[in-house]
Amino acid sequence: FFLWFLYSMLGLLVPFILAFLAAYIFNPIVLWLKKRRLSRWASSLLVVLLMAGVVVAAIIFVLPVIVRQFEEIIAGVRDIADEVLFQLRSGWLFTALAKFGIDVDEAQRFITEHLAPRLETLLRTLFEGLFGFVTSVSSLVLHFINAVIIPFLVFYLLKDFPEITDRMRTMVPDSFRARYDRLSMLTDSVLGKYFRGAILVAIIQGCISGLVLWSLGVRYALILGIMTSVLNFIPYVGLIACMVVSSIVALFSGDPVLGKVIGVVVLYLSQKLLEATVLGPKIIGTQVGLHPVLLILCLLVFGHFLGFVGLLIAVPATALIIALVRESTRKPRSDSSILV
């Protein structure tokens, strides 16, 4: 009954879940402001006003550009396919085919009659799949902004966050309270650092990619940068998808085509190296380090059941499950130290 009730009420609980997640992420900022002798309610109000200002500014100034570029990309899929086919029809491809004894005329006919329509369909599906979240996210944000419920929820949750966590702790029986404290601290050490660090890393990566793509002369640099930020939460898959899409867009962004494509590939490989060596260890840390095989498995499983949202939460959810399993199987200790 409890599971059925939660499933039935999920649509109504979404604002509360998002508000609690925002309050959990921004609670350290409120604590930092409180140490500067600013009251908790004033700190919470300031954080909520800054969040609302950023969202409103993004809707007014950034969202129209994103929607326009998204529509231009979908409308220009045929041009993208034609440009890719033009590159395939260039001399280097047929010279290579001729070396293997392949009929060049037959290859040209195949590209024109069979590959062209299939490539257009493939590209349209690819772009609509990768950028489809734009319209859904924008409508979701507008819906919540018009309802004006999340800012109030975030404010009250931030203001009373210590009281809420203390009340949740008092609901736990005394015999399990010490274990609850260990598990809650373990959960906070895993999820807290991941969410805050991953968001910061995603913003940095998105800004870098957008600026570099713009400097390279690649079209739709803004939406490609935002796509990089969102897909940065998906290890490996996000990097490959962003690199492929940006390389395709670079093909029809004007001369020098080869230089822009090489620049895009170097950009995303450099970003991955930067994240692996600097941003990840320094900002996110090693609490969520997963074996590559396990990482790919969890991405497939969460993506299968939850779709795009599952891909976003696969890494922290799997890391948390592993941490809780290790905590539950470790031998009890006499001291109060916590295994992280």
Protein backbone atom coordinates (compact mmCIF):
# COMPACT_ATOMS: atom_id res chain seq x y z
CA PHE A 1 0.00 0.00 0.00
CA PHE A 2 2.82 2.38 0.88
CA LEU A 3 4.57 1.79 -2.48
CA TRP A 4 1.29 2.19 -4.37
CA PHE A 5 0.55 5.39 -2.47
CA LEU A 6 3.96 6.87 -3.31
CA TYR A 7 3.60 5.89 -6.98
CA SER A 8 0.14 7.44 -7.15
CA MET A 9 1.30 10.67 -5.47
CA LEU A 10 4.58 10.99 -7.37
CA GLY A 11 3.28 13.77 -9.62
CA LEU A 12 2.31 15.84 -6.58
CA LEU A 13 5.53 15.04 -4.72
CA VAL A 14 7.88 16.19 -7.52
CA PRO A 15 7.97 19.86 -6.33
CA PHE A 16 8.74 18.73 -2.78
CA ILE A 17 11.47 16.34 -3.96
CA LEU A 18 13.10 19.04 -6.10
CA ALA A 19 12.79 21.59 -3.27
CA PHE A 20 14.36 19.23 -0.74
CA LEU A 21 17.19 18.43 -3.16
CA ALA A 22 17.84 22.15 -3.71
CA ALA A 23 17.77 22.81 0.03
CA TYR A 24 20.17 19.93 0.64
CA ILE A 25 22.59 21.18 -2.02
CA PHE A 26 22.57 24.83 -0.90
CA ASN A 27 22.50 24.20 2.85
CA PRO A 28 26.33 24.64 3.14
CA ILE A 29 26.00 28.14 1.65
CA VAL A 30 23.43 29.01 4.31
CA LEU A 31 25.74 27.67 7.00
CA TRP A 32 28.61 29.73 5.57
CA LEU A 33 26.48 32.89 5.62
CA LYS A 34 25.33 32.10 9.14
CA LYS A 35 28.96 31.99 10.29
CA ARG A 36 29.21 35.55 8.94
CA ARG A 37 26.60 36.53 11.54
CA LEU A 38 23.66 36.53 9.17
CA SER A 39 20.54 34.91 10.59
CA ARG A 40 19.42 31.63 9.10
CA TRP A 41 16.15 32.97 7.73
CA ALA A 42 17.95 35.89 6.10
CA SER A 43 20.58 33.55 4.64
CA SER A 44 17.87 31.26 3.31
CA LEU A 45 15.98 34.18 1.80
CA LEU A 46 19.13 35.49 0.13
CA VAL A 47 19.93 32.07 -1.38
CA VAL A 48 16.35 31.65 -2.66
CA LEU A 49 16.34 35.14 -4.18
CA LEU A 50 19.66 34.46 -5.92
CA MET A 51 18.34 31.13 -7.26
CA ALA A 52 15.14 32.74 -8.49
CA GLY A 53 17.09 35.58 -10.09
CA VAL A 54 19.34 33.16 -11.96
CA VAL A 55 16.35 31.12 -13.18
CA VAL A 56 14.38 34.18 -14.28
CA ALA A 57 17.43 35.65 -16.04
CA ALA A 58 18.03 32.34 -17.81
CA ILE A 59 14.41 32.15 -18.94
CA ILE A 60 14.42 35.73 -20.22
CA PHE A 61 17.83 35.88 -21.87
CA VAL A 62 19.09 32.33 -22.48
CA LEU A 63 16.00 30.19 -23.08
CA PRO A 64 14.87 32.01 -26.26
CA VAL A 65 18.33 31.58 -27.77
CA ILE A 66 18.37 27.88 -26.84
CA VAL A 67 14.95 27.26 -28.36
CA ARG A 68 15.86 29.17 -31.52
CA GLN A 69 19.13 27.27 -31.98
CA PHE A 70 17.38 23.99 -31.24
CA GLU A 71 14.75 24.71 -33.91
CA GLU A 72 17.46 25.72 -36.37
CA ILE A 73 19.33 22.46 -35.76
CA ILE A 74 16.21 20.34 -36.29
CA ALA A 75 15.27 22.35 -39.40
CA GLY A 76 18.81 22.06 -40.75
CA VAL A 77 19.16 18.30 -40.38
CA ARG A 78 18.91 17.89 -44.16
CA ASP A 79 21.73 20.43 -44.62
CA ILE A 80 23.82 18.52 -42.08
CA ALA A 81 23.21 15.25 -43.91
CA ASP A 82 24.07 16.86 -47.25
CA GLU A 83 27.28 18.29 -45.81
CA VAL A 84 28.30 14.93 -44.37
CA LEU A 85 27.58 13.26 -47.70
CA PHE A 86 29.57 15.94 -49.50
CA GLN A 87 32.53 15.09 -47.31
CA LEU A 88 32.00 11.40 -48.05
CA ARG A 89 31.92 12.12 -51.79
CA SER A 90 35.26 13.90 -51.63
CA GLY A 91 38.26 12.37 -53.31
CA TRP A 92 39.87 10.79 -50.26
CA LEU A 93 37.04 8.29 -49.74
CA PHE A 94 36.83 7.03 -53.31
CA THR A 95 40.61 6.96 -53.64
CA ALA A 96 40.72 4.64 -50.66
CA LEU A 97 37.89 2.50 -52.07
CA ALA A 98 39.62 2.22 -55.44
CA LYS A 99 42.72 0.83 -53.76
CA PHE A 100 40.63 -2.12 -52.55
CA GLY A 101 39.13 -2.71 -56.00
CA ILE A 102 35.67 -1.33 -55.18
CA ASP A 103 33.64 0.17 -58.03
CA VAL A 104 33.63 3.94 -57.45
CA ASP A 105 30.46 4.53 -59.53
CA GLU A 106 28.58 1.89 -57.56
CA ALA A 107 29.77 3.46 -54.29
CA GLN A 108 28.55 6.90 -55.42
CA ARG A 109 25.15 5.46 -56.36
CA PHE A 110 24.85 3.69 -53.00
CA ILE A 111 25.68 6.87 -51.08
CA THR A 112 23.15 8.91 -53.06
CA GLU A 113 20.24 6.45 -53.10
CA HIS A 114 20.58 4.59 -49.82
CA LEU A 115 22.89 6.37 -47.41
CA ALA A 116 21.48 9.89 -47.82
CA PRO A 117 17.88 9.24 -46.61
CA ARG A 118 19.03 6.91 -43.83
CA LEU A 119 21.62 9.41 -42.63
CA GLU A 120 19.02 12.18 -42.49
CA THR A 121 16.68 9.98 -40.45
CA LEU A 122 19.52 8.97 -38.14
CA LEU A 123 20.64 12.55 -37.55
CA ARG A 124 17.10 13.75 -36.92
CA THR A 125 16.58 11.01 -34.35
CA LEU A 126 19.97 11.77 -32.76
CA PHE A 127 19.36 15.50 -32.40
CA GLU A 128 15.78 15.14 -31.23
CA GLY A 129 16.89 12.56 -28.67
CA LEU A 130 19.78 14.63 -27.33
CA PHE A 131 18.03 18.00 -27.41
CA GLY A 132 14.53 16.85 -26.62
CA PHE A 133 15.08 17.62 -22.94
CA VAL A 134 15.18 21.35 -23.79
CA THR A 135 11.46 21.72 -24.36
CA SER A 136 10.52 19.44 -21.45
CA VAL A 137 12.87 21.19 -19.04
CA SER A 138 11.73 24.64 -20.15
CA SER A 139 8.03 23.76 -19.77
CA LEU A 140 8.76 22.18 -16.38
CA VAL A 141 10.60 25.26 -15.17
CA LEU A 142 7.91 27.58 -16.45
CA HIS A 143 5.24 25.47 -14.79
CA PHE A 144 6.93 25.61 -11.39
CA ILE A 145 7.74 29.30 -11.75
CA ASN A 146 4.09 30.06 -12.55
CA ALA A 147 2.96 27.93 -9.61
CA VAL A 148 5.43 29.77 -7.34
CA ILE A 149 5.64 26.80 -5.05
CA ILE A 150 9.24 25.63 -5.20
CA PRO A 151 10.85 28.94 -4.04
CA PHE A 152 8.65 28.96 -0.94
CA LEU A 153 9.36 25.29 -0.26
CA VAL A 154 13.10 25.82 -0.65
CA PHE A 155 13.02 28.84 1.67
CA TYR A 156 11.20 27.04 4.48
CA LEU A 157 13.26 23.88 4.06
CA LEU A 158 16.49 25.86 4.17
CA LYS A 159 15.34 27.91 7.15
CA ASP A 160 14.28 24.88 9.16
CA PHE A 161 16.74 22.32 7.76
CA PRO A 162 18.43 21.55 11.12
CA GLU A 163 15.05 21.17 12.83
CA ILE A 164 13.82 18.87 10.05
CA THR A 165 16.86 16.60 10.25
CA ASP A 166 16.67 16.54 14.06
CA ARG A 167 12.98 15.64 13.93
CA MET A 168 13.72 12.81 11.50
CA ARG A 169 16.41 11.59 13.90
CA THR A 170 14.02 11.55 16.88
CA MET A 171 11.64 9.29 14.92
CA VAL A 172 14.32 6.58 14.88
CA PRO A 173 14.21 4.15 17.84
CA ASP A 174 16.97 4.63 20.40
CA SER A 175 18.45 1.21 19.70
CA PHE A 176 19.03 2.12 16.02
CA ARG A 177 19.93 5.78 16.49
CA ALA A 178 23.71 5.30 16.51
CA ARG A 179 23.54 3.26 13.32
CA TYR A 180 21.21 5.84 11.79
CA ASP A 181 23.75 8.55 12.57
CA ARG A 182 26.51 6.57 10.86
CA LEU A 183 24.38 5.89 7.79
CA SER A 184 23.18 9.48 7.49
CA MET A 185 26.73 10.81 7.72
CA LEU A 186 27.87 8.20 5.19
CA THR A 187 25.05 9.18 2.84
CA ASP A 188 25.89 12.85 3.19
CA SER A 189 29.58 12.23 2.53
CA VAL A 190 28.76 10.36 -0.69
CA LEU A 191 25.76 12.22 -2.10
CA GLY A 192 26.51 15.69 -0.78
CA LYS A 193 29.97 15.94 -2.23
CA TYR A 194 28.93 14.28 -5.48
CA PHE A 195 25.91 16.49 -6.19
CA ARG A 196 27.62 19.75 -5.32
CA GLY A 197 30.88 18.80 -6.99
CA ALA A 198 29.27 17.31 -10.10
CA ILE A 199 27.12 20.41 -10.63
CA LEU A 200 30.17 22.67 -10.33
CA VAL A 201 32.22 20.47 -12.69
CA ALA A 202 29.34 20.37 -15.20
CA ILE A 203 29.06 24.17 -15.19
CA ILE A 204 32.82 24.55 -15.69
CA GLN A 205 32.88 22.01 -18.53
CA GLY A 206 29.86 23.59 -20.20
CA CYS A 207 31.38 27.08 -20.05
CA ILE A 208 34.72 25.85 -21.41
CA SER A 209 33.14 23.94 -24.30
CA GLY A 210 30.77 26.78 -25.19
CA LEU A 211 33.54 29.40 -25.24
CA VAL A 212 35.97 27.21 -27.17
CA LEU A 213 33.34 26.17 -29.73
CA TRP A 214 32.38 29.82 -30.18
CA SER A 215 36.04 30.80 -30.65
CA LEU A 216 36.45 27.99 -33.20
CA GLY A 217 33.50 29.34 -35.17
CA VAL A 218 31.27 26.30 -34.58
CA ARG A 219 27.58 27.12 -34.90
CA TYR A 220 25.13 26.71 -32.00
CA ALA A 221 27.94 27.00 -29.43
CA LEU A 222 25.49 27.96 -26.67
CA ILE A 223 23.23 24.94 -26.97
CA LEU A 224 26.22 22.65 -27.46
CA GLY A 225 27.77 24.04 -24.26
CA ILE A 226 24.54 23.46 -22.34
CA MET A 227 24.32 19.96 -23.78
CA THR A 228 27.88 19.34 -22.56
CA SER A 229 26.93 20.47 -19.05
CA VAL A 230 23.89 18.19 -18.87
CA LEU A 231 25.54 15.13 -20.43
CA ASN A 232 28.64 15.62 -18.28
CA PHE A 233 26.72 13.78 -15.54
CA ILE A 234 26.80 10.65 -17.73
CA PRO A 235 30.35 9.21 -17.77
CA TYR A 236 31.82 8.14 -21.11
CA VAL A 237 28.47 8.24 -22.94
CA GLY A 238 28.10 11.97 -22.43
CA LEU A 239 31.59 12.73 -23.74
CA ILE A 240 31.16 10.58 -26.85
CA ALA A 241 27.71 11.99 -27.63
CA CYS A 242 28.87 15.61 -27.23
CA MET A 243 31.98 15.03 -29.33
CA VAL A 244 30.02 13.34 -32.14
CA VAL A 245 27.27 15.96 -32.24
CA SER A 246 29.70 18.89 -32.06
CA SER A 247 31.86 17.34 -34.80
CA ILE A 248 28.82 16.95 -37.05
CA VAL A 249 27.81 20.56 -36.42
CA ALA A 250 31.39 21.67 -37.14
CA LEU A 251 31.15 20.05 -40.58
CA PHE A 252 28.63 22.65 -41.75
CA SER A 253 30.00 25.62 -39.81
CA GLY A 254 32.15 26.90 -42.68
CA ASP A 255 35.81 26.68 -43.57
CA PRO A 256 38.23 25.40 -42.43
CA VAL A 257 36.09 22.30 -41.90
CA LEU A 258 38.92 19.93 -41.04
CA GLY A 259 40.46 22.39 -38.60
CA LYS A 260 37.14 22.85 -36.77
CA VAL A 261 36.49 19.12 -36.52
CA ILE A 262 40.00 18.49 -35.20
CA GLY A 263 39.54 21.37 -32.76
CA VAL A 264 36.29 19.86 -31.47
CA VAL A 265 37.86 16.42 -30.96
CA VAL A 266 40.88 17.93 -29.18
CA LEU A 267 38.53 20.05 -27.04
CA TYR A 268 36.48 17.16 -25.67
CA LEU A 269 39.44 14.85 -25.19
CA SER A 270 41.22 17.66 -23.30
CA GLN A 271 38.12 18.25 -21.19
CA LYS A 272 37.96 14.59 -20.28
CA LEU A 273 41.63 14.65 -19.31
CA LEU A 274 41.07 17.84 -17.29
CA GLU A 275 38.14 16.30 -15.45
CA ALA A 276 39.98 13.04 -14.74
CA THR A 277 43.17 14.67 -13.46
CA VAL A 278 42.10 17.97 -11.92
CA LEU A 279 38.39 18.75 -11.63
CA GLY A 280 37.19 15.31 -10.53
CA PRO A 281 39.78 14.60 -7.80
CA LYS A 282 39.84 18.19 -6.52
CA ILE A 283 36.10 18.95 -6.53
CA ILE A 284 34.22 15.65 -6.40
CA GLY A 285 36.82 13.51 -4.69
CA THR A 286 37.08 9.72 -4.64
CA GLN A 287 33.99 8.79 -2.64
CA VAL A 288 32.06 7.84 -5.79
CA GLY A 289 34.90 6.15 -7.65
CA LEU A 290 33.46 3.14 -9.48
CA HIS A 291 35.11 0.45 -11.57
CA PRO A 292 34.54 1.13 -15.31
CA VAL A 293 32.75 -2.21 -15.81
CA LEU A 294 30.41 -1.52 -12.89
CA LEU A 295 29.94 2.05 -14.15
CA ILE A 296 28.80 0.90 -17.60
CA LEU A 297 26.53 -1.74 -16.05
CA CYS A 298 24.82 0.75 -13.74
CA LEU A 299 24.33 3.20 -16.64
CA LEU A 300 22.62 0.50 -18.71
CA VAL A 301 20.42 -0.70 -15.84
CA PHE A 302 19.31 2.75 -14.62
CA GLY A 303 18.87 3.97 -18.19
CA HIS A 304 16.67 0.97 -19.00
CA PHE A 305 14.32 1.52 -16.06
CA LEU A 306 14.35 5.32 -15.69
CA GLY A 307 15.43 6.62 -19.10
CA PHE A 308 17.41 9.85 -19.26
CA VAL A 309 16.85 10.60 -15.56
CA GLY A 310 18.24 7.17 -14.74
CA LEU A 311 21.44 7.96 -16.63
CA LEU A 312 21.85 11.15 -14.56
CA ILE A 313 21.41 9.46 -11.18
CA ALA A 314 23.10 6.14 -11.99
CA VAL A 315 26.53 7.06 -10.62
CA PRO A 316 25.54 8.55 -7.22
CA ALA A 317 22.83 5.93 -6.67
CA THR A 318 25.21 3.04 -7.34
CA ALA A 319 27.93 4.60 -5.20
CA LEU A 320 25.47 5.05 -2.35
CA ILE A 321 24.22 1.46 -2.62
CA ILE A 322 27.78 0.14 -2.51
CA ALA A 323 28.66 2.35 0.46
CA LEU A 324 25.55 1.23 2.39
CA VAL A 325 26.25 -2.44 1.64
CA ARG A 326 29.82 -2.06 2.91
CA GLU A 327 28.57 -0.29 6.01
CA SER A 328 25.96 -2.98 6.71
CA THR A 329 28.49 -5.81 6.37
CA ARG A 330 31.33 -4.28 8.34
CA LYS A 331 32.01 -5.54 11.84
CA PRO A 332 30.75 -3.34 14.68
CA ARG A 333 33.41 -1.31 16.43
CA SER A 334 33.57 -0.16 19.97
CA ASP A 335 34.45 3.40 19.04
CA SER A 336 32.27 5.85 17.19
CA SER A 337 34.48 6.23 14.16
CA ILE A 338 32.76 6.25 10.79
CA LEU A 339 33.92 4.37 7.71
CA VAL A 340 33.73 6.57 4.64
